[in-house]
PDB file of N, CA and C in Angstrom:
ATOM      1  N   UNK A   1      -9.540 -70.193  69.869  1.00  0.00           N
ATOM      2  CA  UNK A   1      -9.254 -71.841  69.486  1.00  0.00           C
ATOM      3  C   UNK A   1      -9.944 -71.579  68.364  1.00  0.00           C
ATOM      4  N   UNK A   2      -8.878 -71.993  67.286  1.00  0.00           N
ATOM      5  CA  UNK A   2      -9.011 -71.866  65.811  1.00  0.00           C
ATOM      6  C   UNK A   2      -9.027 -73.447  65.332  1.00  0.00           C
ATOM      7  N   UNK A   3      -9.704 -73.869  64.504  1.00  0.00           N
ATOM      8  CA  UNK A   3      -9.168 -74.947  63.872  1.00  0.00           C
ATOM      9  C   UNK A   3      -9.761 -74.744  62.253  1.00  0.00           C
ATOM     10  N   UNK A   4      -8.849 -75.379  61.841  1.00  0.00           N
ATOM     11  CA  UNK A   4      -8.726 -75.761  59.976  1.00  0.00           C
ATOM     12  C   UNK A   4     -10.175 -76.386  59.757  1.00  0.00           C
ATOM     13  N   UNK A   5     -10.518 -76.229  58.468  1.00  0.00           N
ATOM     14  CA  UNK A   5     -11.602 -77.117  58.044  1.00  0.00           C
ATOM     15  C   UNK A   5     -10.687 -78.234  57.159  1.00  0.00           C
ATOM     16  N   UNK A   6     -11.171 -79.565  56.842  1.00  0.00           N
ATOM     17  CA  UNK A   6      -9.661 -80.260  56.060  1.00  0.00           C
ATOM     18  C   UNK A   6     -10.964 -80.985  55.134  1.00  0.00           C
ATOM     19  N   UNK A   7     -10.667 -81.066  54.142  1.00  0.00           N
ATOM     20  CA  UNK A   7     -11.143 -82.018  53.249  1.00  0.00           C
ATOM     21  C   UNK A   7     -10.565 -83.734  53.176  1.00  0.00           C
ATOM     22  N   UNK A   8     -10.925 -84.473  54.083  1.00  0.00           N
ATOM     23  CA  UNK A   8     -10.177 -85.632  53.929  1.00  0.00           C
ATOM     24  C   UNK A   8     -10.347 -86.475  52.810  1.00  0.00           C
ATOM     25  N   UNK A   9     -11.348 -86.294  51.822  1.00  0.00           N
ATOM     26  CA  UNK A   9     -11.045 -87.118  50.745  1.00  0.00           C
ATOM     27  C   UNK A   9     -12.594 -87.549  50.708  1.00  0.00           C
ATOM     28  N   UNK A  10     -13.516 -87.513  49.095  1.00  0.00           N
ATOM     29  CA  UNK A  10     -14.558 -88.260  49.268  1.00  0.00           C
ATOM     30  C   UNK A  10     -15.435 -87.293  50.158  1.00  0.00           C
ATOM     31  N   UNK A  11     -16.228 -87.805  50.665  1.00  0.00           N
ATOM     32  CA  UNK A  11     -17.600 -86.874  51.518  1.00  0.00           C
ATOM     33  C   UNK A  11     -16.866 -86.747  53.147  1.00  0.00           C
ATOM     34  N   UNK A  12     -15.652 -86.931  53.087  1.00  0.00           N
ATOM     35  CA  UNK A  12     -14.916 -86.970  54.438  1.00  0.00           C
ATOM     36  C   UNK A  12     -14.534 -85.600  54.507  1.00  0.00           C
ATOM     37  N   UNK A  13     -14.543 -84.879  56.251  1.00  0.00           N
ATOM     38  CA  UNK A  13     -14.232 -83.693  56.427  1.00  0.00           C
ATOM     39  C   UNK A  13     -14.201 -83.850  58.201  1.00  0.00           C
ATOM     40  N   UNK A  14     -13.216 -82.613  58.111  1.00  0.00           N
ATOM     41  CA  UNK A  14     -13.089 -82.428  59.601  1.00  0.00           C
ATOM     42  C   UNK A  14     -12.709 -81.217  60.031  1.00  0.00           C
ATOM     43  N   UNK A  15     -12.982 -80.605  61.273  1.00  0.00           N
ATOM     44  CA  UNK A  15     -11.883 -79.501  62.255  1.00  0.00           C
ATOM     45  C   UNK A  15     -11.189 -80.045  62.560  1.00  0.00           C
ATOM     46  N   UNK A  16      -9.717 -79.287  63.022  1.00  0.00           N
ATOM     47  CA  UNK A  16      -8.586 -80.201  63.311  1.00  0.00           C
ATOM     48  C   UNK A  16      -7.948 -79.065  63.742  1.00  0.00           C
ATOM     49  N   UNK A  17      -6.941 -79.111  64.867  1.00  0.00           N
ATOM     50  CA  UNK A  17      -5.837 -78.220  65.123  1.00  0.00           C
ATOM     51  C   UNK A  17      -4.590 -79.050  65.286  1.00  0.00           C
ATOM     52  N   UNK A  18      -3.281 -78.632  64.801  1.00  0.00           N
ATOM     53  CA  UNK A  18      -2.254 -79.346  64.449  1.00  0.00           C
ATOM     54  C   UNK A  18      -1.310 -78.557  64.969  1.00  0.00           C
ATOM     55  N   UNK A  19      -0.302 -78.928  65.741  1.00  0.00           N
ATOM     56  CA  UNK A  19       0.820 -78.142  66.618  1.00  0.00           C
ATOM     57  C   UNK A  19       2.209 -79.050  66.082  1.00  0.00           C
ATOM     58  N   UNK A  20       2.905 -78.125  65.449  1.00  0.00           N
ATOM     59  CA  UNK A  20       4.584 -78.773  65.000  1.00  0.00           C
ATOM     60  C   UNK A  20       4.516 -80.406  64.216  1.00  0.00           C
ATOM     61  N   UNK A  21       2.901 -80.369  63.302  1.00  0.00           N
ATOM     62  CA  UNK A  21       2.855 -81.594  62.490  1.00  0.00           C
ATOM     63  C   UNK A  21       1.943 -82.593  63.316  1.00  0.00           C
ATOM     64  N   UNK A  22       1.659 -82.246  64.385  1.00  0.00           N
ATOM     65  CA  UNK A  22       1.586 -83.195  65.561  1.00  0.00           C
ATOM     66  C   UNK A  22      -0.371 -83.065  65.790  1.00  0.00           C
ATOM     67  N   UNK A  23      -0.997 -84.123  65.581  1.00  0.00           N
ATOM     68  CA  UNK A  23      -2.447 -83.894  65.995  1.00  0.00           C
ATOM     69  C   UNK A  23      -3.122 -83.201  67.408  1.00  0.00           C
ATOM     70  N   UNK A  24      -3.545 -82.064  67.599  1.00  0.00           N
ATOM     71  CA  UNK A  24      -4.011 -81.960  69.244  1.00  0.00           C
ATOM     72  C   UNK A  24      -5.142 -82.129  68.842  1.00  0.00           C
ATOM     73  N   UNK A  25      -6.253 -81.691  68.096  1.00  0.00           N
ATOM     74  CA  UNK A  25      -7.435 -82.304  68.213  1.00  0.00           C
ATOM     75  C   UNK A  25      -8.314 -82.386  66.878  1.00  0.00           C
ATOM     76  N   UNK A  26      -9.153 -82.677  67.183  1.00  0.00           N
ATOM     77  CA  UNK A  26     -10.108 -83.301  65.756  1.00  0.00           C
ATOM     78  C   UNK A  26     -11.309 -83.757  65.774  1.00  0.00           C
ATOM     79  N   UNK A  27     -12.134 -83.213  64.852  1.00  0.00           N
ATOM     80  CA  UNK A  27     -13.590 -84.042  65.287  1.00  0.00           C
ATOM     81  C   UNK A  27     -13.989 -83.938  63.458  1.00  0.00           C
ATOM     82  N   UNK A  28     -14.467 -85.337  63.011  1.00  0.00           N
ATOM     83  CA  UNK A  28     -14.710 -85.326  61.494  1.00  0.00           C
ATOM     84  C   UNK A  28     -16.253 -86.005  61.748  1.00  0.00           C
ATOM     85  N   UNK A  29     -16.509 -85.600  59.954  1.00  0.00           N
ATOM     86  CA  UNK A  29     -17.401 -86.563  59.903  1.00  0.00           C
ATOM     87  C   UNK A  29     -17.884 -86.767  58.224  1.00  0.00           C
ATOM     88  N   UNK A  30     -18.924 -87.587  57.786  1.00  0.00           N
ATOM     89  CA  UNK A  30     -18.987 -87.609  56.537  1.00  0.00           C
ATOM     90  C   UNK A  30     -20.575 -86.943  56.279  1.00  0.00           C
ATOM     91  N   UNK A  31     -20.057 -86.392  55.129  1.00  0.00           N
ATOM     92  CA  UNK A  31     -21.809 -85.903  54.436  1.00  0.00           C
ATOM     93  C   UNK A  31     -22.667 -86.560  53.857  1.00  0.00           C
ATOM     94  N   UNK A  32     -23.773 -87.099  53.996  1.00  0.00           N
ATOM     95  CA  UNK A  32     -24.019 -87.808  53.142  1.00  0.00           C
ATOM     96  C   UNK A  32     -25.919 -86.512  52.735  1.00  0.00           C
ATOM     97  N   UNK A  33     -26.088 -86.275  51.408  1.00  0.00           N
ATOM     98  CA  UNK A  33     -26.583 -85.189  51.240  1.00  0.00           C
ATOM     99  C   UNK A  33     -26.502 -84.151  52.034  1.00  0.00           C
ATOM    100  N   UNK A  34     -27.408 -83.474  53.095  1.00  0.00           N
ATOM    101  CA  UNK A  34     -27.348 -82.139  53.923  1.00  0.00           C
ATOM    102  C   UNK A  34     -27.307 -83.123  55.297  1.00  0.00           C
ATOM    103  N   UNK A  35     -26.468 -83.882  55.273  1.00  0.00           N
ATOM    104  CA  UNK A  35     -26.568 -84.411  57.110  1.00  0.00           C
ATOM    105  C   UNK A  35     -24.950 -85.030  57.024  1.00  0.00           C
ATOM    106  N   UNK A  36     -24.250 -84.341  58.498  1.00  0.00           N
ATOM    107  CA  UNK A  36     -23.394 -84.243  58.541  1.00  0.00           C
ATOM    108  C   UNK A  36     -23.010 -85.293  59.740  1.00  0.00           C
ATOM    109  N   UNK A  37     -22.924 -86.697  59.251  1.00  0.00           N
ATOM    110  CA  UNK A  37     -22.716 -87.582  60.211  1.00  0.00           C
ATOM    111  C   UNK A  37     -21.618 -87.797  61.065  1.00  0.00           C
ATOM    112  N   UNK A  38     -21.587 -87.099  62.160  1.00  0.00           N
ATOM    113  CA  UNK A  38     -20.391 -87.288  63.133  1.00  0.00           C
ATOM    114  C   UNK A  38     -20.081 -88.389  63.722  1.00  0.00           C
ATOM    115  N   UNK A  39     -18.563 -88.939  63.093  1.00  0.00           N
ATOM    116  CA  UNK A  39     -18.358 -90.452  63.796  1.00  0.00           C
ATOM    117  C   UNK A  39     -17.151 -90.191  64.604  1.00  0.00           C
ATOM    118  N   UNK A  40     -16.195 -89.226  64.747  1.00  0.00           N
ATOM    119  CA  UNK A  40     -15.185 -89.561  65.357  1.00  0.00           C
ATOM    120  C   UNK A  40     -14.816 -87.735  66.187  1.00  0.00           C
ATOM    121  N   UNK A  41     -14.637 -87.955  67.440  1.00  0.00           N
ATOM    122  CA  UNK A  41     -14.137 -86.864  68.023  1.00  0.00           C
ATOM    123  C   UNK A  41     -12.723 -87.312  68.987  1.00  0.00           C
ATOM    124  N   UNK A  42     -11.573 -86.591  68.788  1.00  0.00           N
ATOM    125  CA  UNK A  42      -9.835 -86.797  69.224  1.00  0.00           C
ATOM    126  C   UNK A  42      -9.476 -85.568  69.770  1.00  0.00           C
ATOM    127  N   UNK A  43      -9.280 -85.388  71.176  1.00  0.00           N
ATOM    128  CA  UNK A  43      -8.255 -84.621  71.935  1.00  0.00           C
ATOM    129  C   UNK A  43      -7.092 -85.226  72.478  1.00  0.00           C
ATOM    130  N   UNK A  44      -5.928 -84.479  72.322  1.00  0.00           N
ATOM    131  CA  UNK A  44      -4.913 -84.978  72.712  1.00  0.00           C
ATOM    132  C   UNK A  44      -4.763 -84.831  74.454  1.00  0.00           C
ATOM    133  N   UNK A  45      -3.791 -86.234  75.075  1.00  0.00           N
ATOM    134  CA  UNK A  45      -3.716 -86.012  76.377  1.00  0.00           C
ATOM    135  C   UNK A  45      -3.378 -84.370  76.702  1.00  0.00           C
ATOM    136  N   UNK A  46      -3.034 -84.119  76.398  1.00  0.00           N
ATOM    137  CA  UNK A  46      -2.341 -82.731  77.015  1.00  0.00           C
ATOM    138  C   UNK A  46      -3.789 -81.680  76.954  1.00  0.00           C
ATOM    139  N   UNK A  47      -4.317 -81.401  76.336  1.00  0.00           N
ATOM    140  CA  UNK A  47      -5.211 -80.836  75.793  1.00  0.00           C
ATOM    141  C   UNK A  47      -6.613 -81.273  76.542  1.00  0.00           C
ATOM    142  N   UNK A  48      -6.616 -82.545  77.045  1.00  0.00           N
ATOM    143  CA  UNK A  48      -7.938 -82.828  77.771  1.00  0.00           C
ATOM    144  C   UNK A  48      -8.239 -82.124  78.690  1.00  0.00           C
ATOM    145  N   UNK A  49      -9.603 -82.041  79.079  1.00  0.00           N
ATOM    146  CA  UNK A  49     -10.072 -81.506  80.279  1.00  0.00           C
ATOM    147  C   UNK A  49     -10.510 -80.368  79.849  1.00  0.00           C
ATOM    148  N   UNK A  50     -10.051 -79.728  78.697  1.00  0.00           N
ATOM    149  CA  UNK A  50      -9.943 -78.475  78.877  1.00  0.00           C
ATOM    150  C   UNK A  50     -11.119 -77.688  77.772  1.00  0.00           C
ATOM    151  N   UNK A  51     -12.170 -78.585  77.874  1.00  0.00           N
ATOM    152  CA  UNK A  51     -13.147 -78.441  77.089  1.00  0.00           C
ATOM    153  C   UNK A  51     -12.912 -78.397  75.509  1.00  0.00           C
ATOM    154  N   UNK A  52     -12.088 -78.824  74.731  1.00  0.00           N
ATOM    155  CA  UNK A  52     -11.833 -78.565  73.573  1.00  0.00           C
ATOM    156  C   UNK A  52     -12.396 -79.666  72.623  1.00  0.00           C
ATOM    157  N   UNK A  53     -12.926 -80.936  73.336  1.00  0.00           N
ATOM    158  CA  UNK A  53     -14.157 -81.322  72.590  1.00  0.00           C
ATOM    159  C   UNK A  53     -15.237 -80.697  71.992  1.00  0.00           C
ATOM    160  N   UNK A  54     -15.972 -79.915  73.178  1.00  0.00           N
ATOM    161  CA  UNK A  54     -17.119 -79.022  73.210  1.00  0.00           C
ATOM    162  C   UNK A  54     -16.826 -78.184  71.961  1.00  0.00           C
ATOM    163  N   UNK A  55     -15.936 -77.450  71.740  1.00  0.00           N
ATOM    164  CA  UNK A  55     -15.232 -76.234  71.210  1.00  0.00           C
ATOM    165  C   UNK A  55     -15.253 -76.731  69.857  1.00  0.00           C
ATOM    166  N   UNK A  56     -14.885 -77.849  69.436  1.00  0.00           N
ATOM    167  CA  UNK A  56     -14.762 -78.675  68.135  1.00  0.00           C
ATOM    168  C   UNK A  56     -15.977 -78.769  67.825  1.00  0.00           C
ATOM    169  N   UNK A  57     -16.753 -79.369  68.560  1.00  0.00           N
ATOM    170  CA  UNK A  57     -18.229 -79.401  68.229  1.00  0.00           C
ATOM    171  C   UNK A  57     -19.326 -78.362  67.957  1.00  0.00           C
ATOM    172  N   UNK A  58     -19.198 -77.465  68.879  1.00  0.00           N
ATOM    173  CA  UNK A  58     -19.753 -76.144  68.600  1.00  0.00           C
ATOM    174  C   UNK A  58     -19.060 -75.663  67.155  1.00  0.00           C
ATOM    175  N   UNK A  59     -17.700 -75.399  66.945  1.00  0.00           N
ATOM    176  CA  UNK A  59     -17.368 -75.095  65.458  1.00  0.00           C
ATOM    177  C   UNK A  59     -18.276 -76.228  64.121  1.00  0.00           C
ATOM    178  N   UNK A  60     -17.990 -77.098  64.466  1.00  0.00           N
ATOM    179  CA  UNK A  60     -18.830 -78.271  63.293  1.00  0.00           C
ATOM    180  C   UNK A  60     -20.474 -77.526  63.187  1.00  0.00           C
ATOM    181  N   UNK A  61     -21.044 -77.429  64.439  1.00  0.00           N
ATOM    182  CA  UNK A  61     -22.542 -76.717  64.450  1.00  0.00           C
ATOM    183  C   UNK A  61     -22.691 -75.732  63.971  1.00  0.00           C
ATOM    184  N   UNK A  62     -21.714 -74.846  63.985  1.00  0.00           N
ATOM    185  CA  UNK A  62     -21.740 -73.896  63.375  1.00  0.00           C
ATOM    186  C   UNK A  62     -21.720 -73.235  61.764  1.00  0.00           C
ATOM    187  N   UNK A  63     -20.806 -74.670  61.775  1.00  0.00           N
ATOM    188  CA  UNK A  63     -20.953 -74.618  59.912  1.00  0.00           C
ATOM    189  C   UNK A  63     -22.272 -75.197  59.819  1.00  0.00           C
ATOM    190  N   UNK A  64     -22.257 -76.433  60.364  1.00  0.00           N
ATOM    191  CA  UNK A  64     -24.100 -77.171  59.997  1.00  0.00           C
ATOM    192  C   UNK A  64     -24.843 -76.077  59.782  1.00  0.00           C
ATOM    193  N   UNK A  65     -24.676 -74.831  60.217  1.00  0.00           N
ATOM    194  CA  UNK A  65     -26.143 -73.542  60.546  1.00  0.00           C
ATOM    195  C   UNK A  65     -25.768 -72.615  59.455  1.00  0.00           C
ATOM    196  N   UNK A  66     -24.494 -72.696  59.193  1.00  0.00           N
ATOM    197  CA  UNK A  66     -23.783 -71.593  57.839  1.00  0.00           C
ATOM    198  C   UNK A  66     -24.383 -72.674  56.631  1.00  0.00           C
ATOM    199  N   UNK A  67     -24.645 -73.866  56.507  1.00  0.00           N
ATOM    200  CA  UNK A  67     -24.955 -74.577  55.211  1.00  0.00           C
ATOM    201  C   UNK A  67     -25.888 -74.984  55.226  1.00  0.00           C
ATOM    202  N   UNK A  68     -26.790 -74.557  56.425  1.00  0.00           N
ATOM    203  CA  UNK A  68     -28.376 -75.518  56.223  1.00  0.00           C
ATOM    204  C   UNK A  68     -28.390 -76.799  56.531  1.00  0.00           C
ATOM    205  N   UNK A  69     -27.038 -77.561  57.129  1.00  0.00           N
ATOM    206  CA  UNK A  69     -26.947 -79.096  56.965  1.00  0.00           C
ATOM    207  C   UNK A  69     -27.910 -79.451  58.390  1.00  0.00           C
ATOM    208  N   UNK A  70     -27.744 -80.684  58.915  1.00  0.00           N
ATOM    209  CA  UNK A  70     -28.156 -81.309  60.188  1.00  0.00           C
ATOM    210  C   UNK A  70     -27.241 -82.295  60.726  1.00  0.00           C
ATOM    211  N   UNK A  71     -27.195 -82.650  61.832  1.00  0.00           N
ATOM    212  CA  UNK A  71     -25.916 -83.017  62.604  1.00  0.00           C
ATOM    213  C   UNK A  71     -26.515 -84.575  62.665  1.00  0.00           C
ATOM    214  N   UNK A  72     -26.089 -85.977  62.566  1.00  0.00           N
ATOM    215  CA  UNK A  72     -26.536 -87.185  63.355  1.00  0.00           C
ATOM    216  C   UNK A  72     -25.316 -87.615  63.812  1.00  0.00           C
ATOM    217  N   UNK A  73     -25.389 -88.156  65.276  1.00  0.00           N
ATOM    218  CA  UNK A  73     -25.019 -88.230  66.160  1.00  0.00           C
ATOM    219  C   UNK A  73     -24.200 -89.607  66.338  1.00  0.00           C
ATOM    220  N   UNK A  74     -22.747 -90.265  65.745  1.00  0.00           N
ATOM    221  CA  UNK A  74     -22.533 -91.416  65.753  1.00  0.00           C
ATOM    222  C   UNK A  74     -21.508 -91.827  67.241  1.00  0.00           C
ATOM    223  N   UNK A  75     -20.784 -90.201  66.762  1.00  0.00           N
ATOM    224  CA  UNK A  75     -19.629 -90.978  67.791  1.00  0.00           C
ATOM    225  C   UNK A  75     -19.946 -90.595  69.105  1.00  0.00           C
ATOM    226  N   UNK A  76     -19.385 -91.141  69.940  1.00  0.00           N
ATOM    227  CA  UNK A  76     -19.737 -91.411  71.599  1.00  0.00           C
ATOM    228  C   UNK A  76     -19.999 -90.009  72.339  1.00  0.00           C
ATOM    229  N   UNK A  77     -19.293 -89.019  71.890  1.00  0.00           N
ATOM    230  CA  UNK A  77     -18.969 -88.034  72.524  1.00  0.00           C
ATOM    231  C   UNK A  77     -20.046 -87.224  71.811  1.00  0.00           C
ATOM    232  N   UNK A  78     -20.360 -87.080  70.845  1.00  0.00           N
ATOM    233  CA  UNK A  78     -21.870 -86.352  70.161  1.00  0.00           C
ATOM    234  C   UNK A  78     -22.571 -86.661  70.794  1.00  0.00           C
ATOM    235  N   UNK A  79     -23.176 -87.887  70.758  1.00  0.00           N
ATOM    236  CA  UNK A  79     -24.073 -88.478  71.396  1.00  0.00           C
ATOM    237  C   UNK A  79     -24.396 -87.940  73.128  1.00  0.00           C
ATOM    238  N   UNK A  80     -23.345 -87.859  73.743  1.00  0.00           N
ATOM    239  CA  UNK A  80     -23.520 -87.619  75.042  1.00  0.00           C
ATOM    240  C   UNK A  80     -23.238 -85.984  74.789  1.00  0.00           C
ATOM    241  N   UNK A  81     -23.148 -84.859  73.831  1.00  0.00           N
ATOM    242  CA  UNK A  81     -23.323 -83.531  74.105  1.00  0.00           C
ATOM    243  C   UNK A  81     -24.405 -83.597  73.424  1.00  0.00           C
ATOM    244  N   UNK A  82     -24.591 -84.101  72.946  1.00  0.00           N
ATOM    245  CA  UNK A  82     -26.441 -83.604  72.360  1.00  0.00           C
ATOM    246  C   UNK A  82     -27.305 -83.957  73.111  1.00  0.00           C
ATOM    247  N   UNK A  83     -27.027 -84.803  74.012  1.00  0.00           N
ATOM    248  CA  UNK A  83     -28.079 -85.300  75.062  1.00  0.00           C
ATOM    249  C   UNK A  83     -27.761 -84.155  76.355  1.00  0.00           C
ATOM    250  N   UNK A  84     -27.198 -83.743  76.568  1.00  0.00           N
ATOM    251  CA  UNK A  84     -26.482 -83.406  77.734  1.00  0.00           C
ATOM    252  C   UNK A  84     -26.854 -81.243  77.317  1.00  0.00           C
ATOM    253  N   UNK A  85     -26.623 -81.182  76.071  1.00  0.00           N
ATOM    254  CA  UNK A  85     -27.002 -80.106  75.816  1.00  0.00           C
ATOM    255  C   UNK A  85     -27.840 -79.425  74.817  1.00  0.00           C
ATOM    256  N   UNK A  86     -28.877 -78.265  75.541  1.00  0.00           N
ATOM    257  CA  UNK A  86     -29.709 -78.104  74.475  1.00  0.00           C
ATOM    258  C   UNK A  86     -29.270 -77.002  73.282  1.00  0.00           C
ATOM    259  N   UNK A  87     -28.795 -76.834  73.369  1.00  0.00           N
ATOM    260  CA  UNK A  87     -28.105 -75.778  72.173  1.00  0.00           C
ATOM    261  C   UNK A  87     -28.293 -76.422  70.710  1.00  0.00           C
ATOM    262  N   UNK A  88     -27.473 -77.881  70.396  1.00  0.00           N
ATOM    263  CA  UNK A  88     -27.690 -78.500  69.854  1.00  0.00           C
ATOM    264  C   UNK A  88     -28.770 -78.578  68.813  1.00  0.00           C
ATOM    265  N   UNK A  89     -30.269 -78.240  69.527  1.00  0.00           N
ATOM    266  CA  UNK A  89     -31.415 -78.870  69.059  1.00  0.00           C
ATOM    267  C   UNK A  89     -31.788 -78.382  67.817  1.00  0.00           C
ATOM    268  N   UNK A  90     -31.458 -77.453  67.421  1.00  0.00           N
ATOM    269  CA  UNK A  90     -31.811 -77.334  65.705  1.00  0.00           C
ATOM    270  C   UNK A  90     -30.941 -77.755  64.913  1.00  0.00           C
ATOM    271  N   UNK A  91     -29.810 -78.617  64.913  1.00  0.00           N
ATOM    272  CA  UNK A  91     -28.878 -79.071  63.971  1.00  0.00           C
ATOM    273  C   UNK A  91     -29.126 -80.504  63.834  1.00  0.00           C
ATOM    274  N   UNK A  92     -29.505 -81.375  65.099  1.00  0.00           N
ATOM    275  CA  UNK A  92     -30.208 -82.673  65.284  1.00  0.00           C
ATOM    276  C   UNK A  92     -31.244 -83.120  64.114  1.00  0.00           C
ATOM    277  N   UNK A  93     -30.709 -83.885  63.613  1.00  0.00           N
ATOM    278  CA  UNK A  93     -31.548 -84.888  62.860  1.00  0.00           C
ATOM    279  C   UNK A  93     -33.064 -85.126  63.253  1.00  0.00           C
TER     280      UNK A  93
END
């Protein structure tokens, strides 16, 4: 699954997937210095239950590693994933 990197303006960014102009999935963050403050995750009803939210988070974590950023979990999904999966230990603040 491919996600598009989007600058939402200012210090806000996202990885998202759209289909026919309709939002399918998105994870957003605000960049504060070298910390990605993960503030929102959305997956459309038709894609729920397929691991798409985790794929979004995986892509964001990959981006954080590429840029040598850390991630701060504010979004409830990201908080849960950070507690559940050890693979994000290197990017957590």
